[in-house]
C-alpha atoms as a PDB file:
ATOM      1  CA  MET A   1     -42.990  19.074-114.326  1.00  0.00           C
ATOM      2  CA  SER A   2     -44.935  16.073-115.693  1.00  0.00           C
ATOM      3  CA  GLU A   3     -46.346  13.304-113.541  1.00  0.00           C
ATOM      4  CA  ASP A   4     -43.908  10.765-115.031  1.00  0.00           C
ATOM      5  CA  GLN A   5     -40.947  12.977-114.124  1.00  0.00           C
ATOM      6  CA  GLU A   6     -42.251  13.371-110.561  1.00  0.00           C
ATOM      7  CA  GLN A   7     -42.571   9.603-110.186  1.00  0.00           C
ATOM      8  CA  THR A   8     -39.046   9.142-111.555  1.00  0.00           C
ATOM      9  CA  ASN A   9     -37.607  11.713-109.131  1.00  0.00           C
ATOM     10  CA  THR A  10     -39.453  10.096-106.245  1.00  0.00           C
ATOM     11  CA  SER A  11     -38.553   6.505-107.074  1.00  0.00           C
ATOM     12  CA  ALA A  12     -34.840   7.134-107.756  1.00  0.00           C
ATOM     13  CA  PRO A  13     -33.874   7.674-104.102  1.00  0.00           C
ATOM     14  CA  LEU A  14     -36.032   4.731-103.037  1.00  0.00           C
ATOM     15  CA  LEU A  15     -34.379   2.521-105.648  1.00  0.00           C
ATOM     16  CA  ALA A  16     -30.897   3.620-104.517  1.00  0.00           C
ATOM     17  CA  ALA A  17     -31.795   2.988-100.881  1.00  0.00           C
ATOM     18  CA  GLY A  18     -33.121  -0.453-101.775  1.00  0.00           C
ATOM     19  CA  ARG A  19     -29.878  -1.344-103.538  1.00  0.00           C
ATOM     20  CA  LEU A  20     -27.867  -0.149-100.549  1.00  0.00           C
ATOM     21  CA  LEU A  21     -29.942  -2.182 -98.104  1.00  0.00           C
ATOM     22  CA  SER A  22     -29.660  -5.279-100.258  1.00  0.00           C
ATOM     23  CA  ALA A  23     -25.870  -4.865-100.336  1.00  0.00           C
ATOM     24  CA  LEU A  24     -25.497  -4.493 -96.566  1.00  0.00           C
ATOM     25  CA  PRO A  25     -25.578  -8.251 -95.792  1.00  0.00           C
ATOM     26  CA  LYS A  26     -22.805  -8.824 -98.349  1.00  0.00           C
ATOM     27  CA  ILE A  27     -20.761  -5.973 -96.892  1.00  0.00           C
ATOM     28  CA  ALA A  28     -21.275  -7.294 -93.358  1.00  0.00           C
ATOM     29  CA  SER A  29     -20.287 -10.838 -94.333  1.00  0.00           C
ATOM     30  CA  GLY A  30     -17.192  -9.464 -96.046  1.00  0.00           C
ATOM     31  CA  VAL A  31     -16.187  -7.523 -92.958  1.00  0.00           C
ATOM     32  CA  LEU A  32     -16.726 -10.571 -90.761  1.00  0.00           C
ATOM     33  CA  GLY A  33     -14.698 -12.683 -93.160  1.00  0.00           C
ATOM     34  CA  ILE A  34     -11.777 -10.228 -93.134  1.00  0.00           C
ATOM     35  CA  THR A  35     -11.942 -10.041 -89.334  1.00  0.00           C
ATOM     36  CA  ALA A  36     -11.819 -13.830 -89.069  1.00  0.00           C
ATOM     37  CA  ILE A  37      -8.848 -13.997 -91.445  1.00  0.00           C
ATOM     38  CA  ALA A  38      -7.065 -11.231 -89.505  1.00  0.00           C
ATOM     39  CA  TYR A  39      -7.556 -13.186 -86.278  1.00  0.00           C
ATOM     40  CA  VAL A  40      -6.202 -16.430 -87.777  1.00  0.00           C
ATOM     41  CA  VAL A  41      -3.160 -14.647 -89.254  1.00  0.00           C
ATOM     42  CA  GLY A  42      -2.642 -12.658 -86.033  1.00  0.00           C
ATOM     43  CA  TRP A  43      -2.953 -15.802 -83.909  1.00  0.00           C
ATOM     44  CA  ARG A  44      -0.269 -17.556 -85.962  1.00  0.00           C
ATOM     45  CA  MET A  45       2.016 -14.515 -86.057  1.00  0.00           C
ATOM     46  CA  SER A  46       1.680 -13.652 -82.352  1.00  0.00           C
ATOM     47  CA  ALA A  47       2.118 -17.259 -81.227  1.00  0.00           C
ATOM     48  CA  ALA A  48       5.310 -17.582 -83.290  1.00  0.00           C
ATOM     49  CA  TYR A  49       6.558 -14.171 -82.116  1.00  0.00           C
ATOM     50  CA  TYR A  50       6.181 -14.744 -78.378  1.00  0.00           C
ATOM     51  CA  SER A  51       7.396 -18.342 -78.610  1.00  0.00           C
ATOM     52  CA  GLU A  52      10.602 -17.263 -80.348  1.00  0.00           C
ATOM     53  CA  LEU A  53      10.949 -14.299 -77.987  1.00  0.00           C
ATOM     54  CA  GLY A  54      10.876 -16.666 -75.011  1.00  0.00           C
ATOM     55  CA  ALA A  55       7.544 -15.546 -73.511  1.00  0.00           C
ATOM     56  CA  ARG A  56       4.982 -17.955 -74.953  1.00  0.00           C
ATOM     57  CA  TRP A  57       2.795 -17.326 -71.891  1.00  0.00           C
ATOM     58  CA  ALA A  58       2.333 -13.670 -72.925  1.00  0.00           C
ATOM     59  CA  PHE A  59       0.344 -14.720 -75.976  1.00  0.00           C
ATOM     60  CA  ASP A  60      -2.321 -16.237 -73.732  1.00  0.00           C
ATOM     61  CA  LEU A  61      -2.851 -12.818 -72.113  1.00  0.00           C
ATOM     62  CA  MET A  62      -3.548 -10.990 -75.386  1.00  0.00           C
ATOM     63  CA  SER A  63      -7.057  -9.832 -76.205  1.00  0.00           C
ATOM     64  CA  ILE A  64      -8.789 -10.821 -79.439  1.00  0.00           C
ATOM     65  CA  ALA A  65      -8.419  -7.254 -80.749  1.00  0.00           C
ATOM     66  CA  GLN A  66      -4.671  -7.267 -80.032  1.00  0.00           C
ATOM     67  CA  VAL A  67      -4.233 -10.588 -81.824  1.00  0.00           C
ATOM     68  CA  ALA A  68      -6.116  -9.376 -84.901  1.00  0.00           C
ATOM     69  CA  ARG A  69      -4.358  -5.990 -84.906  1.00  0.00           C
ATOM     70  CA  SER A  70      -0.921  -7.637 -84.885  1.00  0.00           C
ATOM     71  CA  ALA A  71      -1.617  -8.998 -88.378  1.00  0.00           C
ATOM     72  CA  ALA A  72      -3.039  -5.784 -89.830  1.00  0.00           C
ATOM     73  CA  TRP A  73      -0.150  -5.017 -92.177  1.00  0.00           C
ATOM     74  CA  VAL A  74       0.126  -8.597 -93.462  1.00  0.00           C
ATOM     75  CA  VAL A  75      -3.608  -8.833 -94.172  1.00  0.00           C
ATOM     76  CA  SER A  76      -3.562  -5.358 -95.763  1.00  0.00           C
ATOM     77  CA  LEU A  77      -0.617  -6.315 -97.984  1.00  0.00           C
ATOM     78  CA  THR A  78      -2.368  -9.477 -99.140  1.00  0.00           C
ATOM     79  CA  ALA A  79      -5.648  -7.642 -99.763  1.00  0.00           C
ATOM     80  CA  VAL A  80      -3.981  -4.844-101.768  1.00  0.00           C
ATOM     81  CA  LEU A  81      -2.069  -7.355-103.904  1.00  0.00           C
ATOM     82  CA  SER A  82      -5.239  -9.382-104.502  1.00  0.00           C
ATOM     83  CA  ALA A  83      -7.170  -6.262-105.528  1.00  0.00           C
ATOM     84  CA  GLY A  84      -4.314  -5.177-107.819  1.00  0.00           C
ATOM     85  CA  CYS A  85      -4.252  -8.576-109.529  1.00  0.00           C
ATOM     86  CA  VAL A  86      -8.016  -8.495-110.031  1.00  0.00           C
ATOM     87  CA  MET A  87      -7.842  -4.977-111.501  1.00  0.00           C
ATOM     88  CA  HIS A  88      -5.098  -6.056-113.930  1.00  0.00           C
ATOM     89  CA  PHE A  89      -7.252  -9.015-114.958  1.00  0.00           C
ATOM     90  CA  ILE A  90     -10.328  -6.836-115.499  1.00  0.00           C
ATOM     91  CA  ALA A  91      -8.285  -4.328-117.517  1.00  0.00           C
ATOM     92  CA  GLY A  92      -6.988  -7.133-119.716  1.00  0.00           C
ATOM     93  CA  HIS A  93      -3.364  -6.658-118.671  1.00  0.00           C
ATOM     94  CA  SER A  94      -3.108 -10.125-117.157  1.00  0.00           C
ATOM     95  CA  THR A  95      -4.632 -13.598-117.293  1.00  0.00           C
ATOM     96  CA  ALA A  96      -5.297 -16.324-114.752  1.00  0.00           C
ATOM     97  CA  LYS A  97      -2.422 -18.322-116.220  1.00  0.00           C
ATOM     98  CA  ARG A  98      -0.006 -15.406-115.865  1.00  0.00           C
ATOM     99  CA  LEU A  99      -1.121 -14.770-112.295  1.00  0.00           C
ATOM    100  CA  GLY A 100      -0.561 -18.445-111.543  1.00  0.00           C
ATOM    101  CA  ARG A 101       3.002 -18.177-112.823  1.00  0.00           C
ATOM    102  CA  TRP A 102       3.679 -15.165-110.598  1.00  0.00           C
ATOM    103  CA  ALA A 103       2.240 -17.016-107.609  1.00  0.00           C
ATOM    104  CA  VAL A 104       4.615 -19.931-108.294  1.00  0.00           C
ATOM    105  CA  PHE A 105       7.531 -17.488-108.679  1.00  0.00           C
ATOM    106  CA  TRP A 106       6.951 -15.918-105.253  1.00  0.00           C
ATOM    107  CA  MET A 107       6.318 -19.315-103.702  1.00  0.00           C
ATOM    108  CA  LEU A 108       9.638 -20.641-104.996  1.00  0.00           C
ATOM    109  CA  SER A 109      11.411 -17.425-103.943  1.00  0.00           C
ATOM    110  CA  GLY A 110      10.158 -18.050-100.412  1.00  0.00           C
ATOM    111  CA  CYS A 111      11.442 -21.632-100.553  1.00  0.00           C
ATOM    112  CA  ILE A 112      14.898 -20.369-101.554  1.00  0.00           C
ATOM    113  CA  THR A 113      15.065 -17.838 -98.709  1.00  0.00           C
ATOM    114  CA  TRP A 114      13.784 -20.529 -96.332  1.00  0.00           C
ATOM    115  CA  VAL A 115      16.747 -22.726 -97.230  1.00  0.00           C
ATOM    116  CA  LEU A 116      19.126 -19.761 -96.883  1.00  0.00           C
ATOM    117  CA  SER A 117      17.717 -18.871 -93.454  1.00  0.00           C
ATOM    118  CA  ASP A 118      19.162 -22.060 -91.954  1.00  0.00           C
ATOM    119  CA  PRO A 119      22.381 -22.816 -93.858  1.00  0.00           C
ATOM    120  CA  PRO A 120      24.659 -25.656 -92.747  1.00  0.00           C
ATOM    121  CA  TRP A 121      27.761 -24.966 -90.683  1.00  0.00           C
ATOM    122  CA  GLY A 122      26.668 -21.417 -89.831  1.00  0.00           C
ATOM    123  CA  LEU A 123      27.824 -19.913 -93.128  1.00  0.00           C
ATOM    124  CA  LEU A 124      25.752 -16.728 -92.678  1.00  0.00           C
ATOM    125  CA  LYS A 125      25.733 -14.060 -90.000  1.00  0.00           C
ATOM    126  CA  THR A 126      22.859 -14.372 -87.571  1.00  0.00           C
ATOM    127  CA  SER A 127      21.302 -11.113 -88.768  1.00  0.00           C
ATOM    128  CA  TRP A 128      21.378 -12.343 -92.373  1.00  0.00           C
ATOM    129  CA  ALA A 129      19.718 -15.618 -91.387  1.00  0.00           C
ATOM    130  CA  HIS A 130      16.989 -13.710 -89.559  1.00  0.00           C
ATOM    131  CA  GLY A 131      16.530 -11.472 -92.593  1.00  0.00           C
ATOM    132  CA  PHE A 132      16.035 -14.465 -94.864  1.00  0.00           C
ATOM    133  CA  THR A 133      13.465 -15.846 -92.404  1.00  0.00           C
ATOM    134  CA  PHE A 134      11.512 -12.592 -92.649  1.00  0.00           C
ATOM    135  CA  LEU A 135      11.759 -12.604 -96.468  1.00  0.00           C
ATOM    136  CA  THR A 136      10.399 -16.150 -96.502  1.00  0.00           C
ATOM    137  CA  GLY A 137       7.223 -15.053 -94.765  1.00  0.00           C
ATOM    138  CA  LEU A 138       6.969 -11.899 -96.883  1.00  0.00           C
ATOM    139  CA  PHE A 139       7.375 -13.742-100.202  1.00  0.00           C
ATOM    140  CA  TRP A 140       4.789 -16.325 -99.217  1.00  0.00           C
ATOM    141  CA  ALA A 141       2.381 -13.559 -98.184  1.00  0.00           C
ATOM    142  CA  ILE A 142       2.845 -12.020-101.645  1.00  0.00           C
ATOM    143  CA  ALA A 143       2.245 -15.423-103.243  1.00  0.00           C
ATOM    144  CA  THR A 144      -0.986 -15.694-101.262  1.00  0.00           C
ATOM    145  CA  GLY A 145      -2.230 -12.335-102.539  1.00  0.00           C
ATOM    146  CA  VAL A 146      -1.476 -13.314-106.138  1.00  0.00           C
ATOM    147  CA  SER A 147      -3.144 -16.716-105.611  1.00  0.00           C
ATOM    148  CA  VAL A 148      -6.338 -15.015-104.414  1.00  0.00           C
ATOM    149  CA  GLY A 149      -6.244 -12.855-107.549  1.00  0.00           C
ATOM    150  CA  GLU A 150      -5.751 -15.969-109.664  1.00  0.00           C
ATOM    151  CA  LEU A 151      -8.726 -17.687-108.025  1.00  0.00           C
ATOM    152  CA  THR A 152     -10.885 -14.617-108.697  1.00  0.00           C
ATOM    153  CA  ALA A 153      -9.783 -14.605-112.349  1.00  0.00           C
ATOM    154  CA  ILE A 154     -10.649 -18.296-112.707  1.00  0.00           C
ATOM    155  CA  LEU A 155     -14.101 -17.773-111.222  1.00  0.00           C
ATOM    156  CA  ALA A 156     -14.700 -14.652-113.356  1.00  0.00           C
ATOM    157  CA  SER A 157     -13.854 -16.536-116.556  1.00  0.00           C
ATOM    158  CA  GLY A 158     -16.439 -19.201-115.727  1.00  0.00           C
ATOM    159  CA  ARG A 159     -13.902 -22.029-115.791  1.00  0.00           C
ATOM    160  CA  ARG A 160     -14.047 -25.057-113.540  1.00  0.00           C
ATOM    161  CA  PHE A 161     -11.440 -24.783-110.845  1.00  0.00           C
ATOM    162  CA  GLU A 162     -11.683 -28.167-109.114  1.00  0.00           C
ATOM    163  CA  GLY A 163      -8.329 -29.145-110.575  1.00  0.00           C
ATOM    164  CA  TYR A 164      -6.763 -26.028-109.086  1.00  0.00           C
ATOM    165  CA  MET A 165      -8.009 -26.681-105.575  1.00  0.00           C
ATOM    166  CA  PRO A 166      -4.945 -28.552-104.183  1.00  0.00           C
ATOM    167  CA  TYR A 167      -2.615 -25.829-105.496  1.00  0.00           C
ATOM    168  CA  LEU A 168      -4.837 -22.964-104.370  1.00  0.00           C
ATOM    169  CA  TYR A 169      -5.343 -24.612-100.982  1.00  0.00           C
ATOM    170  CA  ASP A 170      -1.585 -24.807-100.471  1.00  0.00           C
ATOM    171  CA  GLY A 171      -0.999 -21.274-101.724  1.00  0.00           C
ATOM    172  CA  ILE A 172      -3.772 -19.559 -99.809  1.00  0.00           C
ATOM    173  CA  VAL A 173      -4.494 -21.585 -96.680  1.00  0.00           C
ATOM    174  CA  VAL A 174      -1.259 -23.387 -95.814  1.00  0.00           C
ATOM    175  CA  TYR A 175       1.279 -20.777 -96.905  1.00  0.00           C
ATOM    176  CA  GLY A 176      -0.862 -17.674 -96.462  1.00  0.00           C
ATOM    177  CA  LEU A 177      -2.561 -18.357 -93.135  1.00  0.00           C
ATOM    178  CA  ILE A 178       0.008 -20.603 -91.421  1.00  0.00           C
ATOM    179  CA  PHE A 179       3.532 -20.482 -92.808  1.00  0.00           C
ATOM    180  CA  ALA A 180       3.851 -16.824 -93.876  1.00  0.00           C
ATOM    181  CA  PRO A 181       2.680 -15.184 -90.617  1.00  0.00           C
ATOM    182  CA  GLY A 182       4.629 -17.765 -88.602  1.00  0.00           C
ATOM    183  CA  PHE A 183       7.930 -16.922 -90.277  1.00  0.00           C
ATOM    184  CA  ILE A 184       7.271 -13.177 -90.066  1.00  0.00           C
ATOM    185  CA  GLY A 185       6.503 -13.404 -86.346  1.00  0.00           C
ATOM    186  CA  GLN A 186       9.558 -15.581 -85.728  1.00  0.00           C
ATOM    187  CA  ALA A 187      11.886 -13.212 -87.588  1.00  0.00           C
ATOM    188  CA  SER A 188      10.516 -10.163 -85.764  1.00  0.00           C
ATOM    189  CA  ALA A 189      11.182 -11.831 -82.407  1.00  0.00           C
ATOM    190  CA  GLU A 190      14.696 -12.824 -83.470  1.00  0.00           C
ATOM    191  CA  PHE A 191      15.523  -9.208 -84.287  1.00  0.00           C
ATOM    192  CA  GLN A 192      13.790  -7.613 -81.300  1.00  0.00           C
ATOM    193  CA  GLY A 193      14.928 -10.099 -78.677  1.00  0.00           C
ATOM    194  CA  ALA A 194      18.633  -9.852 -79.543  1.00  0.00           C
ATOM    195  CA  SER A 195      21.130  -7.672 -77.695  1.00  0.00           C
ATOM    196  CA  ALA A 196      21.050  -5.168 -80.560  1.00  0.00           C
ATOM    197  CA  SER A 197      17.264  -4.803 -80.208  1.00  0.00           C
ATOM    198  CA  HIS A 198      15.695  -1.574 -81.441  1.00  0.00           C
ATOM    199  CA  LEU A 199      12.731  -1.794 -79.079  1.00  0.00           C
ATOM    200  CA  PRO A 200      12.301   1.483 -77.149  1.00  0.00           C
ATOM    201  CA  LEU A 201      13.998   1.810 -73.760  1.00  0.00           C
ATOM    202  CA  VAL A 202      11.734   2.641 -70.814  1.00  0.00           C
ATOM    203  CA  THR A 203      12.100   4.049 -67.322  1.00  0.00           C
ATOM    204  CA  VAL A 204       9.901   2.497 -64.639  1.00  0.00           C
ATOM    205  CA  LEU A 205       8.556   4.589 -61.768  1.00  0.00           C
ATOM    206  CA  ALA A 206       9.276   3.861 -58.104  1.00  0.00           C
ATOM    207  CA  THR A 207      12.160   1.477 -58.705  1.00  0.00           C
ATOM    208  CA  SER A 208      15.931   1.561 -58.415  1.00  0.00           C
ATOM    209  CA  ASP A 209      16.297  -0.961 -61.218  1.00  0.00           C
ATOM    210  CA  SER A 210      18.614   0.697 -63.746  1.00  0.00           C
ATOM    211  CA  ARG A 211      18.741  -2.238 -66.153  1.00  0.00           C
ATOM    212  CA  PRO A 212      17.911  -1.386 -69.800  1.00  0.00           C
ATOM    213  CA  TRP A 213      14.320  -2.601 -69.974  1.00  0.00           C
ATOM    214  CA  ARG A 214      12.739  -2.349 -73.404  1.00  0.00           C
ATOM    215  CA  LEU A 215       9.074  -2.139 -74.318  1.00  0.00           C
ATOM    216  CA  VAL A 216       7.674  -5.082 -76.303  1.00  0.00           C
ATOM    217  CA  GLY A 217       4.072  -3.876 -76.378  1.00  0.00           C
ATOM    218  CA  PRO A 218       0.636  -4.227 -74.789  1.00  0.00           C
ATOM    219  CA  VAL A 219      -0.432  -7.643 -73.533  1.00  0.00           C
ATOM    220  CA  GLY A 220      -3.994  -7.532 -72.307  1.00  0.00           C
ATOM    221  CA  ASP A 221      -4.287  -4.446 -70.094  1.00  0.00           C
ATOM    222  CA  GLN A 222      -0.583  -4.457 -69.187  1.00  0.00           C
ATOM    223  CA  LEU A 223       2.717  -3.731 -70.925  1.00  0.00           C
ATOM    224  CA  LEU A 224       5.401  -6.353 -71.500  1.00  0.00           C
ATOM    225  CA  LEU A 225       9.035  -5.341 -70.928  1.00  0.00           C
ATOM    226  CA  ILE A 226      12.129  -7.326 -71.892  1.00  0.00           C
ATOM    227  CA  LEU A 227      15.824  -7.417 -71.106  1.00  0.00           C
ATOM    228  CA  PRO A 228      17.149  -8.521 -74.524  1.00  0.00           C
ATOM    229  CA  SER A 229      19.850 -11.132 -74.938  1.00  0.00           C
ATOM    230  CA  ASP A 230      21.261 -13.126 -77.824  1.00  0.00           C
ATOM    231  CA  ASP A 231      20.601 -16.216 -75.707  1.00  0.00           C
ATOM    232  CA  LYS A 232      16.830 -16.726 -75.557  1.00  0.00           C
ATOM    233  CA  ALA A 233      17.123 -18.605 -72.251  1.00  0.00           C
ATOM    234  CA  LYS A 234      18.696 -15.556 -70.577  1.00  0.00           C
ATOM    235  CA  ARG A 235      16.016 -13.027 -71.527  1.00  0.00           C
ATOM    236  CA  LEU A 236      14.023 -11.550 -68.661  1.00  0.00           C
ATOM    237  CA  PHE A 237      10.478 -10.188 -68.861  1.00  0.00           C
ATOM    238  CA  LYS A 238       8.323  -7.962 -66.707  1.00  0.00           C
ATOM    239  CA  LEU A 239       4.631  -7.075 -66.818  1.00  0.00           C
ATOM    240  CA  VAL A 240       3.803  -3.526 -65.696  1.00  0.00           C
ATOM    241  CA  SER A 241       0.801  -1.239 -65.799  1.00  0.00           C
ATOM    242  CA  PRO A 242       0.925   1.640 -68.304  1.00  0.00           C
ATOM    243  CA  THR A 243       0.875   4.186 -65.471  1.00  0.00           C
ATOM    244  CA  SER A 244       4.064   2.750 -63.970  1.00  0.00           C
ATOM    245  CA  LEU A 245       6.205   3.974 -66.869  1.00  0.00           C
ATOM    246  CA  ALA A 246       7.832   7.370 -66.477  1.00  0.00           C
ATOM    247  CA  PHE A 247       9.507   7.606 -69.894  1.00  0.00           C
ATOM    248  CA  ILE A 248       9.466   5.709 -73.190  1.00  0.00           C
ATOM    249  CA  GLU A 249      12.372   6.361 -75.527  1.00  0.00           C
ATOM    250  CA  SER A 250      11.727   7.442 -79.099  1.00  0.00           C
ATOM    251  CA  THR A 251      12.573   4.820 -81.721  1.00  0.00           C
ATOM    252  CA  GLU A 252      13.545   7.484 -84.264  1.00  0.00           C
ATOM    253  CA  ALA A 253      17.177   8.158 -85.146  1.00  0.00           C
ATOM    254  CA  HIS A 254      17.231  11.252 -82.951  1.00  0.00           C
ATOM    255  CA  GLY A 255      16.003   9.294 -79.901  1.00  0.00           C
ATOM    256  CA  VAL A 256      17.683   9.553 -76.511  1.00  0.00           C
ATOM    257  CA  GLU A 257      20.793   7.438 -76.120  1.00  0.00           C
ATOM    258  CA  ALA A 258      20.735   4.707 -73.484  1.00  0.00           C
ATOM    259  CA  GLY A 259      23.418   6.429 -71.438  1.00  0.00           C
ATOM    260  CA  ASN A 260      21.489   9.694 -71.387  1.00  0.00           C
ATOM    261  CA  ARG A 261      18.145   8.357 -70.268  1.00  0.00           C
ATOM    262  CA  PRO A 262      16.390  10.205 -67.456  1.00  0.00           C
ATOM    263  CA  ALA A 263      17.000   8.720 -64.035  1.00  0.00           C
ATOM    264  CA  PRO A 264      14.173   6.679 -62.475  1.00  0.00           C
ATOM    265  CA  VAL A 265      11.563   8.862 -60.858  1.00  0.00           C
ATOM    266  CA  ALA A 266      10.243   7.993 -57.402  1.00  0.00           C
ATOM    267  CA  ARG A 267       6.506   8.114 -57.025  1.00  0.00           C
ATOM    268  CA  LYS A 268       5.328  10.406 -54.287  1.00  0.00           C
END
């Protein structure tokens, strides 16, 4: 082996390591940025969810990790859509102008479902109205993902985007970080707080309370239970420790029926 080949073999790993180390700050800043976005989206979604559920105070007990985790699927959806739009742009299958049109399409679709979610004179069933509320948030989340892809395409093409800033600000910040998660959280609470809630039934230890308590989820280091009702003012809540639950019903189709739940177990 020649001396030049030995130097090449020796320097290649060092060069690769140097590139990796130089990329670490960018990777770290990206992770921090995604975490911050997840917290903002989770804060808006959780605040809207617990307010509509009737337990606004429960939001104040949530940890930062719980708030950020509540928005995981919304942030993931937006990120996947943004990456897909960028890949289509790189492959030449789309342009910034076309992405902008799709962003407007989803934005307007969300406006239509927003109007339908609160029709005059109660023309729609309550469940349909709640469904349109959820679709409003979902469509605006999609519009946000496409808008991020459009912004990336504009920057990649070297064009000035100052004229796009008001539109992109509305599409990404206002609708993506505020309106979309707010409507999604509100719709989720409307479905889960109603009498026909699909939240899992639970059995609490050392109590004779046979009321159909349902599990909302973790709030801080405790679990929040609810007695659902179509009237938000009549809903009851209870905070319990995880160890105080004897059984949690499966949410699958083959789950235990409410009438066949195990009887409360007394703690010895």
